[in-house]
Amino acid sequence: MKLRILGNSVRFRVSQAELAELVGEGSVQDSVGFGPGARLVYRLEVTDGAAEAVSAGYDGGGVNVVLPRALVDVWQRPDEVSIRGEQPLPGGESLGILIEKDFTCLIPREGEDQSDLFPNPATADTTA
């Protein structure tokens, strides 16, 4: 799973296996270490509750994004690319949240394993 943070936005990119884990187990997570005792954990979690909106939180050691089951059920369809959310913050600001399927690159990068990524729609055969 890839995490990108830019200003007041977070974007997660999820592989095929990670989406299967999210659907089957209800959560998926990854982390990055910064040295002894310093690790940032980032996690996606599905809720079966009445929540209708995507939400995110930070607990001092990680970022947790909660996704309503209904949105995840739609998102796992082959033609669905992403789940978007916007979370109000104090002071009139908001946090943009984007969860995307991770597609193979159009131009392969040396040393990057793309074997578990989703097929890129731009490479689809349009002659059929």
C-alpha atoms as a PDB file:
ATOM      1  CA  MET A   1       0.000   0.000   0.000  1.00  0.00           C
ATOM      2  CA  LYS A   2       1.275   3.423  -0.865  1.00  0.00           C
ATOM      3  CA  LEU A   3       0.618   6.584   1.128  1.00  0.00           C
ATOM      4  CA  ARG A   4       0.950  10.111  -0.217  1.00  0.00           C
ATOM      5  CA  ILE A   5       0.464  13.177   1.923  1.00  0.00           C
ATOM      6  CA  LEU A   6       0.239  16.646   0.431  1.00  0.00           C
ATOM      7  CA  GLY A   7      -1.051  19.601   2.416  1.00  0.00           C
ATOM      8  CA  ASN A   8      -4.437  18.700   3.873  1.00  0.00           C
ATOM      9  CA  SER A   9      -4.854  15.571   1.785  1.00  0.00           C
ATOM     10  CA  VAL A  10      -3.986  11.897   2.106  1.00  0.00           C
ATOM     11  CA  ARG A  11      -4.023   9.410  -0.745  1.00  0.00           C
ATOM     12  CA  PHE A  12      -3.711   5.655  -0.454  1.00  0.00           C
ATOM     13  CA  ARG A  13      -2.999   3.349  -3.393  1.00  0.00           C
ATOM     14  CA  VAL A  14      -4.009  -0.268  -2.892  1.00  0.00           C
ATOM     15  CA  SER A  15      -2.861  -3.401  -4.761  1.00  0.00           C
ATOM     16  CA  GLN A  16      -5.113  -6.292  -5.721  1.00  0.00           C
ATOM     17  CA  ALA A  17      -4.038  -8.403  -2.717  1.00  0.00           C
ATOM     18  CA  GLU A  18      -4.531  -5.464  -0.351  1.00  0.00           C
ATOM     19  CA  LEU A  19      -8.044  -4.854  -1.656  1.00  0.00           C
ATOM     20  CA  ALA A  20      -8.824  -8.556  -1.189  1.00  0.00           C
ATOM     21  CA  GLU A  21      -7.507  -8.340   2.397  1.00  0.00           C
ATOM     22  CA  LEU A  22      -9.529  -5.197   3.070  1.00  0.00           C
ATOM     23  CA  VAL A  23     -12.717  -6.859   1.795  1.00  0.00           C
ATOM     24  CA  GLY A  24     -12.073 -10.233   3.461  1.00  0.00           C
ATOM     25  CA  GLU A  25     -10.471  -9.232   6.757  1.00  0.00           C
ATOM     26  CA  GLY A  26     -11.968  -5.777   7.208  1.00  0.00           C
ATOM     27  CA  SER A  27      -8.634  -3.958   7.344  1.00  0.00           C
ATOM     28  CA  VAL A  28      -5.225  -3.638   5.745  1.00  0.00           C
ATOM     29  CA  GLN A  29      -2.175  -1.784   6.994  1.00  0.00           C
ATOM     30  CA  ASP A  30       1.428  -0.998   6.227  1.00  0.00           C
ATOM     31  CA  SER A  31       4.136   1.047   7.910  1.00  0.00           C
ATOM     32  CA  VAL A  32       7.373   2.908   7.415  1.00  0.00           C
ATOM     33  CA  GLY A  33      10.211   2.979   9.919  1.00  0.00           C
ATOM     34  CA  PHE A  34      12.269   6.067  10.710  1.00  0.00           C
ATOM     35  CA  GLY A  35      14.719   4.513  13.157  1.00  0.00           C
ATOM     36  CA  PRO A  36      14.563   2.897  16.590  1.00  0.00           C
ATOM     37  CA  GLY A  37      11.088   3.260  18.075  1.00  0.00           C
ATOM     38  CA  ALA A  38       9.893   5.525  15.270  1.00  0.00           C
ATOM     39  CA  ARG A  39       7.339   3.960  12.932  1.00  0.00           C
ATOM     40  CA  LEU A  40       4.382   5.455  11.087  1.00  0.00           C
ATOM     41  CA  VAL A  41       1.548   2.954  10.626  1.00  0.00           C
ATOM     42  CA  TYR A  42      -1.123   3.632   8.023  1.00  0.00           C
ATOM     43  CA  ARG A  43      -4.312   1.613   7.931  1.00  0.00           C
ATOM     44  CA  LEU A  44      -7.589   1.272   6.071  1.00  0.00           C
ATOM     45  CA  GLU A  45     -10.516  -0.198   7.988  1.00  0.00           C
ATOM     46  CA  VAL A  46     -14.026  -1.141   6.887  1.00  0.00           C
ATOM     47  CA  THR A  47     -16.944  -0.371   9.159  1.00  0.00           C
ATOM     48  CA  ASP A  48     -20.233  -2.208   9.015  1.00  0.00           C
ATOM     49  CA  GLY A  49     -21.914   0.473  11.108  1.00  0.00           C
ATOM     50  CA  ALA A  50     -24.189   3.241   9.984  1.00  0.00           C
ATOM     51  CA  ALA A  51     -21.316   5.512   8.923  1.00  0.00           C
ATOM     52  CA  GLU A  52     -21.892   6.874   5.433  1.00  0.00           C
ATOM     53  CA  ALA A  53     -18.777   9.004   5.103  1.00  0.00           C
ATOM     54  CA  VAL A  54     -15.076   8.278   4.830  1.00  0.00           C
ATOM     55  CA  SER A  55     -13.194   9.490   7.908  1.00  0.00           C
ATOM     56  CA  ALA A  56      -9.577   9.678   9.022  1.00  0.00           C
ATOM     57  CA  GLY A  57      -7.754  10.002  12.307  1.00  0.00           C
ATOM     58  CA  TYR A  58      -4.224  10.304  13.623  1.00  0.00           C
ATOM     59  CA  ASP A  59      -3.283   8.795  16.977  1.00  0.00           C
ATOM     60  CA  GLY A  60       0.326   9.923  17.330  1.00  0.00           C
ATOM     61  CA  GLY A  61       1.725   6.774  15.753  1.00  0.00           C
ATOM     62  CA  GLY A  62      -0.400   6.309  12.723  1.00  0.00           C
ATOM     63  CA  VAL A  63      -3.078   7.289  10.282  1.00  0.00           C
ATOM     64  CA  ASN A  64      -6.334   5.331  10.284  1.00  0.00           C
ATOM     65  CA  VAL A  65      -8.967   5.743   7.567  1.00  0.00           C
ATOM     66  CA  VAL A  66     -12.421   4.261   8.094  1.00  0.00           C
ATOM     67  CA  LEU A  67     -14.434   3.279   5.020  1.00  0.00           C
ATOM     68  CA  PRO A  68     -18.135   2.416   5.059  1.00  0.00           C
ATOM     69  CA  ARG A  69     -18.796  -1.165   3.882  1.00  0.00           C
ATOM     70  CA  ALA A  70     -21.259   0.043   1.217  1.00  0.00           C
ATOM     71  CA  LEU A  71     -18.560   2.169  -0.460  1.00  0.00           C
ATOM     72  CA  VAL A  72     -16.021  -0.670  -0.375  1.00  0.00           C
ATOM     73  CA  ASP A  73     -18.560  -3.087  -1.873  1.00  0.00           C
ATOM     74  CA  VAL A  74     -19.039  -0.760  -4.849  1.00  0.00           C
ATOM     75  CA  TRP A  75     -15.311   0.050  -5.110  1.00  0.00           C
ATOM     76  CA  GLN A  76     -14.267  -3.570  -5.565  1.00  0.00           C
ATOM     77  CA  ARG A  77     -16.093  -3.704  -8.920  1.00  0.00           C
ATOM     78  CA  PRO A  78     -13.645  -3.740 -11.861  1.00  0.00           C
ATOM     79  CA  ASP A  79     -14.875  -0.422 -13.305  1.00  0.00           C
ATOM     80  CA  GLU A  80     -14.569   1.512 -10.014  1.00  0.00           C
ATOM     81  CA  VAL A  81     -11.277   3.335  -9.442  1.00  0.00           C
ATOM     82  CA  SER A  82     -11.489   5.242  -6.179  1.00  0.00           C
ATOM     83  CA  ILE A  83     -13.268   6.253  -3.007  1.00  0.00           C
ATOM     84  CA  ARG A  84     -13.211   9.945  -2.118  1.00  0.00           C
ATOM     85  CA  GLY A  85     -14.023  11.714   1.076  1.00  0.00           C
ATOM     86  CA  GLU A  86     -13.691  15.115   2.648  1.00  0.00           C
ATOM     87  CA  GLN A  87     -13.520  15.511   6.392  1.00  0.00           C
ATOM     88  CA  PRO A  88     -14.256  18.875   8.017  1.00  0.00           C
ATOM     89  CA  LEU A  89     -11.519  20.165  10.319  1.00  0.00           C
ATOM     90  CA  PRO A  90     -11.594  22.894  12.963  1.00  0.00           C
ATOM     91  CA  GLY A  91     -11.189  26.420  11.661  1.00  0.00           C
ATOM     92  CA  GLY A  92     -13.086  25.826   8.435  1.00  0.00           C
ATOM     93  CA  GLU A  93     -10.407  23.645   6.848  1.00  0.00           C
ATOM     94  CA  SER A  94     -10.975  20.146   5.489  1.00  0.00           C
ATOM     95  CA  LEU A  95      -8.977  16.989   4.928  1.00  0.00           C
ATOM     96  CA  GLY A  96      -9.222  15.417   1.482  1.00  0.00           C
ATOM     97  CA  ILE A  97      -9.137  11.604   1.543  1.00  0.00           C
ATOM     98  CA  LEU A  98      -8.606   9.531  -1.603  1.00  0.00           C
ATOM     99  CA  ILE A  99      -8.338   5.729  -1.759  1.00  0.00           C
ATOM    100  CA  GLU A 100      -7.365   4.388  -5.199  1.00  0.00           C
ATOM    101  CA  LYS A 101      -6.639   1.116  -6.899  1.00  0.00           C
ATOM    102  CA  ASP A 102      -2.930   1.061  -7.760  1.00  0.00           C
ATOM    103  CA  PHE A 103      -2.553   0.582 -11.521  1.00  0.00           C
ATOM    104  CA  THR A 104       0.485  -0.637 -13.392  1.00  0.00           C
ATOM    105  CA  CYS A 105       2.598   2.139 -14.856  1.00  0.00           C
ATOM    106  CA  LEU A 106       2.401   2.846 -18.569  1.00  0.00           C
ATOM    107  CA  ILE A 107       6.192   3.125 -18.617  1.00  0.00           C
ATOM    108  CA  PRO A 108       7.764   0.389 -16.444  1.00  0.00           C
ATOM    109  CA  ARG A 109      10.234   1.548 -13.799  1.00  0.00           C
ATOM    110  CA  GLU A 110      13.405  -0.409 -13.179  1.00  0.00           C
ATOM    111  CA  GLY A 111      13.320  -2.334  -9.904  1.00  0.00           C
ATOM    112  CA  GLU A 112       9.601  -1.802  -9.251  1.00  0.00           C
ATOM    113  CA  ASP A 113       7.434  -4.902  -8.812  1.00  0.00           C
ATOM    114  CA  GLN A 114       4.066  -4.317 -10.450  1.00  0.00           C
ATOM    115  CA  SER A 115       2.911  -7.945 -10.452  1.00  0.00           C
ATOM    116  CA  ASP A 116       0.089  -7.351  -7.909  1.00  0.00           C
ATOM    117  CA  LEU A 117      -1.136  -4.044  -9.290  1.00  0.00           C
ATOM    118  CA  PHE A 118      -4.374  -3.578 -11.180  1.00  0.00           C
ATOM    119  CA  PRO A 119      -4.181  -3.598 -14.993  1.00  0.00           C
ATOM    120  CA  ASN A 120      -3.939  -0.037 -16.255  1.00  0.00           C
ATOM    121  CA  PRO A 121      -7.185   0.951 -18.040  1.00  0.00           C
ATOM    122  CA  ALA A 122      -5.137   2.995 -20.533  1.00  0.00           C
ATOM    123  CA  THR A 123      -3.642  -0.226 -21.897  1.00  0.00           C
ATOM    124  CA  ALA A 124      -7.029  -1.875 -22.489  1.00  0.00           C
ATOM    125  CA  ASP A 125      -7.702  -3.212 -25.957  1.00  0.00           C
ATOM    126  CA  THR A 126     -10.092  -0.733 -27.559  1.00  0.00           C
ATOM    127  CA  THR A 127     -10.347  -2.551 -30.898  1.00  0.00           C
ATOM    128  CA  ALA A 128     -12.870  -5.122 -29.709  1.00  0.00           C
END
